[in-house]
Protein backbone atom coordinates (compact mmCIF):
# COMPACT_ATOMS: atom_id res chain seq x y z
CA MET A 1 -9.17 -78.97 147.52
CA GLN A 2 -9.02 -78.06 151.05
CA ASN A 3 -7.68 -81.03 153.71
CA PRO A 4 -10.33 -82.22 155.70
CA GLY A 5 -7.81 -83.22 158.80
CA ASN A 6 -6.36 -79.26 158.60
CA ARG A 7 -10.20 -78.37 158.94
CA ILE A 8 -10.72 -80.42 161.92
CA ILE A 9 -7.75 -79.25 163.61
CA GLY A 10 -8.94 -75.85 163.18
CA ILE A 11 -12.08 -76.16 164.76
CA ASN A 12 -10.76 -77.98 167.51
CA LEU A 13 -8.46 -75.59 168.08
CA ILE A 14 -11.30 -72.49 168.04
CA LYS A 15 -13.02 -74.74 170.67
CA LYS A 16 -10.39 -75.27 173.09
CA SER A 17 -9.62 -71.32 172.89
CA PHE A 18 -13.24 -70.42 173.44
CA LEU A 19 -13.46 -72.85 176.31
CA THR A 20 -10.16 -71.68 177.92
CA ALA A 21 -11.46 -68.08 177.63
CA ILE A 22 -14.55 -68.96 179.40
CA CYS A 23 -12.55 -70.61 182.18
CA LEU A 24 -10.31 -67.60 182.53
CA LEU A 25 -13.50 -65.35 183.10
CA TRP A 26 -14.68 -68.05 185.96
CA ILE A 27 -18.17 -67.96 185.57
CA PRO A 28 -20.68 -67.97 182.68
CA SER A 29 -23.62 -65.84 182.13
CA LEU A 30 -26.74 -65.45 179.87
CA SER A 31 -29.68 -63.38 179.55
CA PHE A 32 -31.77 -63.41 182.69
CA ALA A 33 -34.94 -66.08 182.67
CA SER A 34 -38.03 -64.88 181.04
CA ASN A 35 -40.12 -65.28 184.25
CA PHE A 36 -37.34 -63.54 186.76
CA THR A 37 -38.34 -60.09 187.77
CA PRO A 38 -36.16 -57.33 187.04
CA LEU A 39 -35.17 -54.94 190.26
CA GLU A 40 -36.83 -51.71 188.72
CA ASN A 41 -39.91 -53.81 188.41
CA PHE A 42 -39.80 -53.25 192.19
CA GLY A 43 -39.78 -49.55 192.19
CA GLY A 44 -36.08 -49.48 192.75
CA ALA A 45 -33.35 -48.08 190.36
CA PHE A 46 -31.40 -50.77 188.79
CA PHE A 47 -27.43 -51.15 189.73
CA PRO A 48 -25.86 -48.98 186.84
CA MET A 49 -22.28 -50.30 187.36
CA GLY A 50 -20.20 -53.53 188.42
CA PHE A 51 -21.02 -57.28 188.52
CA ASN A 52 -24.49 -58.85 188.11
CA LEU A 53 -24.83 -62.63 188.41
CA SER A 54 -28.07 -64.22 187.46
CA GLY A 55 -29.27 -67.82 187.08
CA TYR A 56 -31.85 -70.28 187.66
CA ILE A 57 -32.59 -74.35 188.07
CA GLU A 58 -35.80 -75.23 186.44
CA THR A 59 -37.27 -78.97 186.05
CA GLY A 60 -40.18 -81.02 185.32
CA LYS A 61 -42.47 -81.92 182.17
CA LYS A 62 -43.76 -80.08 179.24
CA THR A 63 -44.95 -80.52 175.64
CA GLN A 64 -43.36 -79.14 172.17
CA ALA A 65 -46.60 -76.95 171.70
CA GLU A 66 -45.43 -75.09 174.59
CA ASP A 67 -41.95 -73.95 172.93
CA PHE A 68 -42.70 -73.11 169.24
CA GLU A 69 -45.74 -72.92 166.85
CA GLU A 70 -46.08 -76.77 165.66
CA GLU A 71 -48.67 -78.39 167.76
CA GLU A 72 -49.17 -81.14 165.48
CA GLU A 73 -47.26 -83.86 167.16
CA ASP A 74 -47.36 -81.97 170.73
CA ARG A 75 -44.57 -84.25 172.16
CA GLU A 76 -44.36 -84.50 175.63
CA TYR A 77 -41.00 -84.77 177.44
CA THR A 78 -39.35 -84.21 180.84
CA TYR A 79 -36.37 -81.83 181.39
CA GLN A 80 -34.04 -80.19 183.41
CA LYS A 81 -32.50 -76.65 182.86
CA TYR A 82 -29.55 -75.07 184.35
CA ARG A 83 -28.62 -71.28 183.39
CA LEU A 84 -25.76 -69.42 184.96
CA GLY A 85 -24.97 -65.86 184.14
CA LEU A 86 -22.43 -63.04 184.49
CA LYS A 87 -23.09 -59.43 183.06
CA TYR A 88 -20.63 -56.46 183.86
CA ARG A 89 -20.48 -52.90 182.92
CA LEU A 90 -17.23 -51.55 183.49
CA SER A 91 -18.41 -48.08 182.64
CA ASP A 92 -20.64 -46.19 180.54
CA HIS A 93 -18.29 -47.44 177.12
CA VAL A 94 -17.67 -50.83 178.35
CA MET A 95 -19.85 -54.27 179.13
CA TYR A 96 -19.66 -57.80 178.60
CA GLU A 97 -21.53 -60.79 179.02
CA LEU A 98 -20.93 -64.47 179.46
CA GLY A 99 -23.16 -67.34 179.83
CA SER A 100 -23.87 -70.76 180.14
CA LEU A 101 -27.01 -73.11 179.57
CA ILE A 102 -27.45 -76.82 180.01
CA HIS A 103 -30.89 -78.11 179.13
CA ASP A 104 -31.28 -81.80 179.10
CA LYS A 105 -34.71 -83.54 177.28
CA ASP A 106 -36.03 -86.94 177.84
CA TYR A 107 -39.24 -87.62 175.38
CA GLU A 108 -42.05 -89.63 176.63
CA SER A 109 -42.53 -91.49 173.18
CA THR A 110 -39.60 -90.48 170.99
CA ASP A 111 -36.39 -91.87 171.86
CA SER A 112 -34.54 -90.67 169.04
CA LEU A 113 -34.95 -86.96 170.04
CA ASP A 114 -33.67 -87.38 173.37
CA ASN A 115 -30.76 -85.14 173.81
CA ILE A 116 -28.77 -83.01 176.10
CA SER A 117 -27.39 -79.57 174.94
CA LYS A 118 -24.71 -77.59 176.14
CA ILE A 119 -24.54 -73.65 175.20
CA PHE A 120 -21.90 -71.24 176.04
CA ASN A 121 -22.17 -67.52 175.28
CA ALA A 122 -20.10 -64.34 175.59
CA LYS A 123 -20.60 -60.89 174.14
CA GLY A 124 -18.78 -57.39 174.41
CA SER A 125 -20.01 -54.12 173.86
CA TYR A 126 -17.70 -51.10 173.34
CA TYR A 127 -18.76 -47.55 172.27
CA LEU A 128 -16.16 -46.55 169.96
CA ASN A 129 -17.78 -43.08 169.79
CA LYS A 130 -20.52 -41.62 172.59
CA GLN A 131 -21.84 -38.30 172.22
CA LYS A 132 -25.19 -36.70 173.14
CA LYS A 133 -26.54 -36.58 169.73
CA GLU A 134 -24.82 -39.81 168.20
CA SER A 135 -22.92 -42.33 169.07
CA LEU A 136 -21.29 -45.62 167.29
CA LYS A 137 -21.03 -48.96 169.23
CA LEU A 138 -19.37 -52.32 168.63
CA ASP A 139 -20.56 -55.40 169.85
CA ILE A 140 -18.71 -58.68 169.25
CA ARG A 141 -20.95 -62.07 169.80
CA LEU A 142 -19.65 -65.82 170.47
CA LYS A 143 -21.20 -68.78 170.57
CA TYR A 144 -20.53 -72.55 171.45
CA LYS A 145 -22.84 -75.23 171.62
CA GLU A 146 -22.66 -78.76 172.04
CA LYS A 147 -25.82 -80.95 170.83
CA ARG A 148 -25.57 -84.81 171.73
CA PHE A 149 -28.69 -87.47 171.15
CA ARG A 150 -28.55 -90.26 173.57
CA ASN A 151 -30.24 -93.03 170.67
CA SER A 152 -29.43 -91.18 167.61
CA PRO A 153 -25.83 -90.09 167.44
CA ALA A 154 -26.06 -88.92 163.74
CA GLY A 155 -27.53 -85.92 164.48
CA GLU A 156 -24.76 -84.82 166.94
CA TYR A 157 -22.94 -81.61 166.14
CA ASP A 158 -21.11 -79.13 167.36
CA GLN A 159 -21.86 -75.25 166.77
CA ILE A 160 -19.77 -72.17 166.60
CA ILE A 161 -21.07 -68.43 165.73
CA PHE A 162 -18.69 -65.70 165.52
CA SER A 163 -20.42 -62.29 164.73
CA PRO A 164 -19.27 -58.50 165.32
CA ARG A 165 -21.68 -55.90 164.89
CA LEU A 166 -21.59 -52.04 164.51
CA THR A 167 -24.64 -49.87 165.48
CA TYR A 168 -24.58 -45.96 164.48
CA THR A 169 -27.40 -43.99 166.22
CA LYS A 170 -28.13 -40.32 165.58
CA LYS A 171 -30.27 -39.05 168.21
CA ASP A 172 -33.58 -38.34 167.48
CA ALA A 173 -33.25 -39.15 163.72
CA TYR A 174 -32.19 -43.09 162.60
CA THR A 175 -30.12 -46.22 164.34
CA ILE A 176 -28.20 -48.38 161.50
CA ASN A 177 -27.33 -51.98 162.64
CA LEU A 178 -24.82 -53.86 160.43
CA SER A 179 -23.39 -57.43 161.10
CA ILE A 180 -21.30 -60.12 159.52
CA GLY A 181 -20.58 -63.36 160.96
CA ILE A 182 -19.84 -67.26 160.82
CA ASN A 183 -22.11 -70.13 161.61
CA ASP A 184 -20.37 -73.71 161.69
CA TYR A 185 -22.02 -76.69 162.27
CA ASP A 186 -19.70 -79.96 162.81
CA TYR A 187 -21.24 -83.21 162.79
CA ARG A 188 -19.33 -85.70 164.93
CA ASN A 189 -20.48 -89.23 163.27
CA ILE A 190 -21.63 -88.20 159.37
CA THR A 191 -19.40 -87.06 156.84
CA GLY A 192 -20.60 -84.60 154.45
CA ASN A 193 -23.22 -83.08 156.80
CA ASP A 194 -21.25 -80.32 157.84
CA GLN A 195 -22.34 -76.76 157.22
CA LEU A 196 -20.24 -73.82 157.28
CA LYS A 197 -22.32 -70.75 156.76
CA PHE A 198 -21.20 -66.87 156.61
CA PHE A 199 -24.16 -64.21 156.97
CA SER A 200 -24.54 -60.83 156.51
CA LYS A 201 -27.27 -58.55 158.18
CA ILE A 202 -28.25 -55.04 158.14
CA GLU A 203 -31.08 -53.11 160.33
CA ALA A 204 -32.34 -49.63 160.29
CA LYS A 205 -35.14 -47.75 162.02
CA ARG A 206 -36.01 -44.26 160.94
CA TYR A 207 -37.85 -41.88 163.40
CA LEU A 208 -40.07 -39.19 162.37
CA LEU A 209 -42.81 -36.57 163.32
CA GLU A 210 -40.73 -36.20 166.59
CA LYS A 211 -40.22 -40.00 167.10
CA ARG A 212 -43.98 -40.57 167.08
CA LEU A 213 -43.52 -42.72 163.64
CA VAL A 214 -40.77 -45.30 163.41
CA LEU A 215 -39.82 -47.21 160.29
CA ALA A 216 -38.23 -50.78 160.58
CA SER A 217 -36.46 -52.60 158.26
CA SER A 218 -34.11 -55.52 158.16
CA TYR A 219 -32.33 -57.98 155.71
CA LYS A 220 -29.90 -60.87 156.10
CA LEU A 221 -28.25 -62.84 153.82
CA GLU A 222 -26.97 -66.42 154.69
CA ILE A 223 -24.48 -68.24 152.20
CA THR A 224 -23.68 -71.96 152.77
CA ALA A 225 -19.94 -72.82 151.64
CA HIS A 226 -21.28 -76.29 150.37
CA LYS A 227 -24.91 -77.39 149.32
CA ARG A 228 -26.03 -80.23 151.17
CA ALA A 229 -28.55 -82.47 149.71
CA ASN A 230 -32.34 -81.37 150.82
CA ARG A 231 -30.73 -78.05 152.03
CA ARG A 232 -30.97 -74.48 150.91
CA LYS A 233 -27.32 -73.20 149.94
CA ASN A 234 -28.73 -69.56 150.17
CA LYS A 235 -31.15 -68.04 152.76
CA ASN A 236 -32.61 -64.62 152.83
CA ASP A 237 -34.90 -63.09 155.45
CA PHE A 238 -36.77 -59.80 155.09
CA MET A 239 -38.48 -57.32 157.75
CA ALA A 240 -40.43 -54.03 157.31
CA GLY A 241 -42.56 -52.44 159.39
CA PHE A 242 -43.52 -49.31 161.30
CA ASP A 243 -44.56 -48.04 164.87
CA TYR A 244 -46.90 -45.06 165.04
CA ARG A 245 -48.06 -43.34 168.11
CA VAL A 246 -51.24 -41.98 167.84
CA ASP A 247 -51.57 -40.33 172.05
CA LYS A 248 -55.43 -41.28 171.80
CA PRO A 249 -57.33 -43.00 174.40
CA LEU A 250 -58.57 -45.90 172.10
CA ILE A 251 -55.54 -46.03 170.07
CA HIS A 252 -52.51 -45.17 171.86
CA LYS A 253 -49.96 -46.82 169.51
CA ILE A 254 -50.14 -48.82 166.35
CA THR A 255 -47.34 -51.89 165.47
CA ALA A 256 -47.01 -53.64 161.99
CA ARG A 257 -44.48 -56.22 161.34
CA ALA A 258 -44.12 -58.25 157.96
CA LYS A 259 -41.39 -60.75 157.57
CA LEU A 260 -40.41 -63.29 154.79
CA GLY A 261 -37.34 -65.54 154.43
CA GLN A 262 -35.93 -69.09 154.77
CA ARG A 263 -34.36 -70.52 157.80
CA ASP A 264 -33.12 -73.68 159.48
CA THR A 265 -34.92 -75.31 162.61
CA LYS A 266 -31.54 -75.44 164.26
CA ASP A 267 -31.48 -71.75 164.81
CA ASP A 268 -33.89 -72.18 167.33
CA ASP A 269 -32.53 -73.64 170.33
CA GLU A 270 -35.42 -75.00 171.62
CA ARG A 271 -36.15 -77.19 168.56
CA ASP A 272 -34.43 -80.61 168.32
CA GLU A 273 -35.71 -81.53 164.65
CA ASP A 274 -33.25 -80.59 162.10
CA PHE A 275 -35.25 -79.01 158.77
CA ASP A 276 -35.19 -76.00 156.17
CA TYR A 277 -38.32 -74.19 155.91
CA ARG A 278 -39.58 -70.71 154.41
CA TYR A 279 -41.68 -68.87 156.29
CA GLY A 280 -43.69 -65.41 156.01
CA GLU A 281 -45.70 -63.70 159.05
CA PHE A 282 -47.38 -60.55 159.33
CA TYR A 283 -48.93 -58.81 162.76
CA VAL A 284 -50.82 -55.72 163.65
CA LYS A 285 -50.83 -54.59 167.16
CA ILE A 286 -52.90 -51.79 168.54
CA GLU A 287 -52.35 -50.49 172.28
CA SER A 288 -55.08 -48.67 174.23
CA ARG A 289 -54.58 -46.51 177.19
CA ILE A 290 -58.52 -45.92 177.94
CA THR A 291 -58.20 -44.56 181.52
CA SER A 292 -55.21 -44.25 184.01
CA LYS A 293 -56.16 -47.36 185.34
CA ILE A 294 -57.47 -49.50 182.30
CA GLY A 295 -55.46 -50.32 179.43
CA ALA A 296 -56.01 -52.96 176.51
CA THR A 297 -53.66 -54.41 173.56
CA SER A 298 -55.38 -56.15 170.62
CA LYS A 299 -53.34 -58.14 167.86
CA TYR A 300 -53.91 -60.10 164.67
CA HIS A 301 -50.92 -62.40 163.64
CA TYR A 302 -51.00 -64.47 160.33
CA PHE A 303 -48.24 -66.92 160.08
CA LYS A 304 -47.00 -69.55 157.17
CA LYS A 305 -44.41 -72.38 156.84
CA ASP A 306 -43.49 -74.70 154.22
CA TYR A 307 -41.24 -77.20 155.03
CA LEU A 308 -38.74 -78.56 152.22
CA THR A 309 -38.59 -82.12 153.35
CA ALA A 310 -40.78 -82.64 156.33
CA ASP A 311 -44.63 -82.93 156.21
CA LEU A 312 -45.38 -79.80 158.53
CA ASP A 313 -46.24 -77.30 156.34
CA HIS A 314 -49.25 -75.18 157.43
CA SER A 315 -50.89 -71.65 157.80
CA GLY A 316 -52.98 -69.86 160.30
CA PHE A 317 -53.37 -67.16 162.40
CA TYR A 318 -54.43 -65.82 166.13
CA ILE A 319 -56.39 -63.05 167.41
CA LEU A 320 -55.21 -61.99 170.89
CA SER A 321 -57.10 -59.53 173.14
CA VAL A 322 -55.53 -58.37 176.78
CA CYS A 323 -57.05 -55.94 179.01
CA ARG A 324 -55.30 -54.66 182.09
CA TYR A 325 -56.87 -53.32 184.96
CA VAL A 326 -54.91 -51.43 188.01
CA ILE A 327 -56.71 -51.43 191.07
CA LEU A 328 -54.21 -50.18 193.66
CA ALA A 329 -50.84 -48.35 192.58
CA ASP A 330 -49.05 -45.98 195.05
CA LYS A 331 -45.68 -45.40 196.07
CA THR A 332 -45.68 -48.61 198.52
CA GLN A 333 -47.84 -51.20 196.88
CA GLY A 334 -49.54 -52.29 193.64
CA LEU A 335 -52.21 -54.47 192.64
CA TYR A 336 -53.71 -55.39 188.74
CA PHE A 337 -55.09 -57.75 186.82
CA ASN A 338 -54.50 -59.17 183.37
CA PHE A 339 -57.65 -60.74 181.08
CA ILE A 340 -56.23 -62.57 178.27
CA PHE A 341 -58.56 -64.26 175.18
CA LYS A 342 -56.67 -65.91 172.54
CA HIS A 343 -58.44 -67.44 169.28
CA LYS A 344 -55.91 -69.41 166.85
CA GLU A 345 -56.63 -71.45 163.97
CA VAL A 346 -54.06 -73.97 162.17
CA ASP A 347 -54.34 -75.66 158.72
CA TYR A 348 -51.81 -78.16 157.71
CA THR A 349 -51.20 -78.95 153.82
CA VAL A 350 -50.43 -82.35 154.15
CA LYS A 351 -51.56 -83.84 157.59
CA GLN A 352 -55.45 -82.29 157.28
CA GLY A 353 -56.26 -84.18 160.31
CA SER A 354 -54.23 -81.82 162.45
CA ASN A 355 -55.97 -79.32 161.57
CA TYR A 356 -57.38 -77.26 164.76
CA LYS A 357 -58.97 -74.25 166.44
CA LYS A 358 -58.26 -73.24 169.87
CA GLU A 359 -59.67 -70.59 172.54
CA THR A 360 -57.96 -69.55 175.47
CA LEU A 361 -58.81 -67.62 178.20
CA GLU A 362 -56.66 -66.48 181.00
CA ILE A 363 -57.00 -64.27 184.12
CA LYS A 364 -53.72 -63.37 186.05
CA GLY A 365 -53.41 -61.15 189.23
CA THR A 366 -50.00 -59.48 190.44
CA TYR A 367 -49.67 -57.82 193.71
CA ARG A 368 -46.29 -56.06 194.72
CA ARG A 369 -44.76 -54.45 197.58
CA LYS A 370 -42.21 -51.92 196.57
CA LYS A 371 -38.37 -52.88 197.12
CA LYS A 372 -39.79 -55.78 199.43
CA TRP A 373 -41.72 -58.65 197.16
CA LYS A 374 -43.92 -59.38 194.57
CA VAL A 375 -46.61 -62.56 193.59
CA SER A 376 -48.21 -63.43 190.99
CA ALA A 377 -50.98 -66.15 190.01
CA SER A 378 -52.98 -67.06 187.06
CA LEU A 379 -55.49 -69.60 185.76
CA GLN A 380 -55.53 -70.50 182.16
CA GLY A 381 -58.12 -72.91 179.90
CA SER A 382 -57.59 -74.11 176.61
CA ILE A 383 -60.23 -75.87 174.12
CA TYR A 384 -58.79 -77.82 170.97
CA ASP A 385 -60.87 -78.42 168.41
CA PHE A 386 -59.39 -80.61 165.77
CA LYS A 387 -60.30 -81.58 162.73
CA ASP A 388 -60.01 -85.64 163.55
CA ALA A 389 -62.35 -85.20 166.55
CA ALA A 390 -60.53 -88.15 168.50
CA ARG A 391 -57.74 -85.82 169.18
CA ASP A 392 -60.02 -83.37 170.74
CA LYS A 393 -58.74 -81.87 174.27
CA ASN A 394 -59.06 -79.26 176.82
CA ARG A 395 -55.69 -78.34 178.54
CA TYR A 396 -55.80 -76.38 181.92
CA TYR A 397 -52.61 -74.34 183.63
CA SER A 398 -52.33 -72.49 187.07
CA LYS A 399 -49.24 -70.69 187.47
CA ILE A 400 -47.72 -68.90 190.60
CA SER A 401 -44.64 -66.77 191.24
CA PHE A 402 -43.00 -65.19 194.09
CA ASP A 403 -40.33 -62.51 193.79
CA LYS A 404 -38.46 -61.64 197.04
CA LEU A 405 -35.91 -58.44 197.06
CA PHE A 406 -33.31 -57.85 199.60
CA PRO A 407 -32.16 -54.43 199.22
CA GLU A 408 -29.35 -54.21 201.56
CA GLU A 409 -27.94 -57.58 199.97
CA ASN A 410 -28.39 -56.29 196.13
CA LEU A 411 -30.43 -59.82 195.96
CA VAL A 412 -33.63 -61.02 194.33
CA LEU A 413 -34.96 -64.31 194.79
CA SER A 414 -37.59 -66.17 192.58
CA LEU A 415 -39.82 -68.92 192.79
CA TYR A 416 -41.90 -70.02 189.66
CA PHE A 417 -44.42 -73.37 189.75
CA LYS A 418 -46.49 -74.25 186.87
CA TYR A 419 -49.24 -77.24 186.75
CA LYS A 420 -50.66 -78.51 183.74
CA TYR A 421 -53.88 -80.92 183.19
CA THR A 422 -55.05 -82.07 180.00
CA ASP A 423 -58.55 -83.55 179.80
CA ASN A 424 -58.02 -85.86 176.32
CA ARG A 425 -61.19 -86.94 174.58
CA GLN A 426 -60.20 -90.38 173.79
CA ALA A 427 -56.43 -90.67 175.24
CA ASN A 428 -55.67 -91.06 178.70
CA ASP A 429 -55.87 -87.88 180.64
CA THR A 430 -52.13 -86.39 181.54
CA GLU A 431 -50.61 -84.17 184.58
CA ALA A 432 -47.38 -82.14 184.35
CA GLU A 433 -45.62 -80.03 186.64
CA SER A 434 -42.58 -77.51 186.36
CA VAL A 435 -40.59 -75.62 188.69
CA ARG A 436 -38.13 -72.89 188.72
CA LEU A 437 -35.67 -71.30 191.36
CA ALA A 438 -34.08 -68.47 190.16
CA PHE A 439 -31.58 -65.57 191.83
CA ARG A 440 -30.14 -62.22 190.56
CA TYR A 441 -27.26 -60.76 192.65
CA LYS A 442 -25.06 -57.38 192.56
CA PHE A 443 -21.52 -57.04 193.82
């Protein structure tokens, strides 16, 4: 039998080595903010080589419904997020990223979920072979995460993920990805809850009909070293689908995906609960290019989740329709509008009073000046119709973002503001705001 003391010493050694590597590399990096505008969107070329530093500070109030599907609880919380990133492309063959994220949450009515997460990521990519018609790339990913709860220390853990991946690409023919790795959860205050997982994943894409048709599939197997109570020892994850480019005005492209498997809520960094669940989902999306100035997207998405222990089992679907109208587009400026409609229905197996229908309407306008600045503003309203009528509510959002490019300094600065007002049928109405300051700099 393995000595627990040796395991703890080994894990601590890995942690110290990883954090030391982060410090030696001076500054962390991560993927860019979701609301951050890439430089190429201003009409300029992206800087191909050298260092790219990015980051943001975000603070405000939001609800869980803005983070993930389950809107049954819709818990409110205040938060602060700090993200900093460094990406370095040494050559056409070598690139690496380093990153850090600190996320602090304070829930309004569920003190047991108050927590702070600290995440450090490192990723390196190297082309073992890069030719015109084929290539072989090696990616190595390393992640370290600390999760600390203020009022429920039993749920605190440290996580380490290490995963290499090989990608082989045959130009205009196929792409195959093969990855393996370990995912270790070390719980600090409860013995017997530790989880050491080994996983492997294969992904493939096949290009046919001069790349008009793309077949996609993947399979992931995850095995836990020791089975825990109320946990799955093995998890499987399947995906299959296709993309087909029709090149007709009404149907330019069709995309379909089907997914089925088992997962852990801890796999999503936004979630604070700790449950295993089975899931299945399917969607089909149709893109239209009616004219050079009018485009549309329609999507049907079905989803289902069955939790192993929690009473959050549910299924549902949504229908999404997006229309984009370009009013102005030339070499110096652009103006366009997006009109978005979404219908969603969710049914819960146990908590049937939480069943609801939701209608959402949004309009968004964007104006940009090439290589200078861009501004976007949107208004959104949602109507919730619950089976328990006392929970009915209307929710309204107003959002505005501004991006400023300084070409000579290779710098982009961004400001994003969101205001939310909830008109509850019986409970008190609520207001919430959030703001994000972001930057991207090349040197």
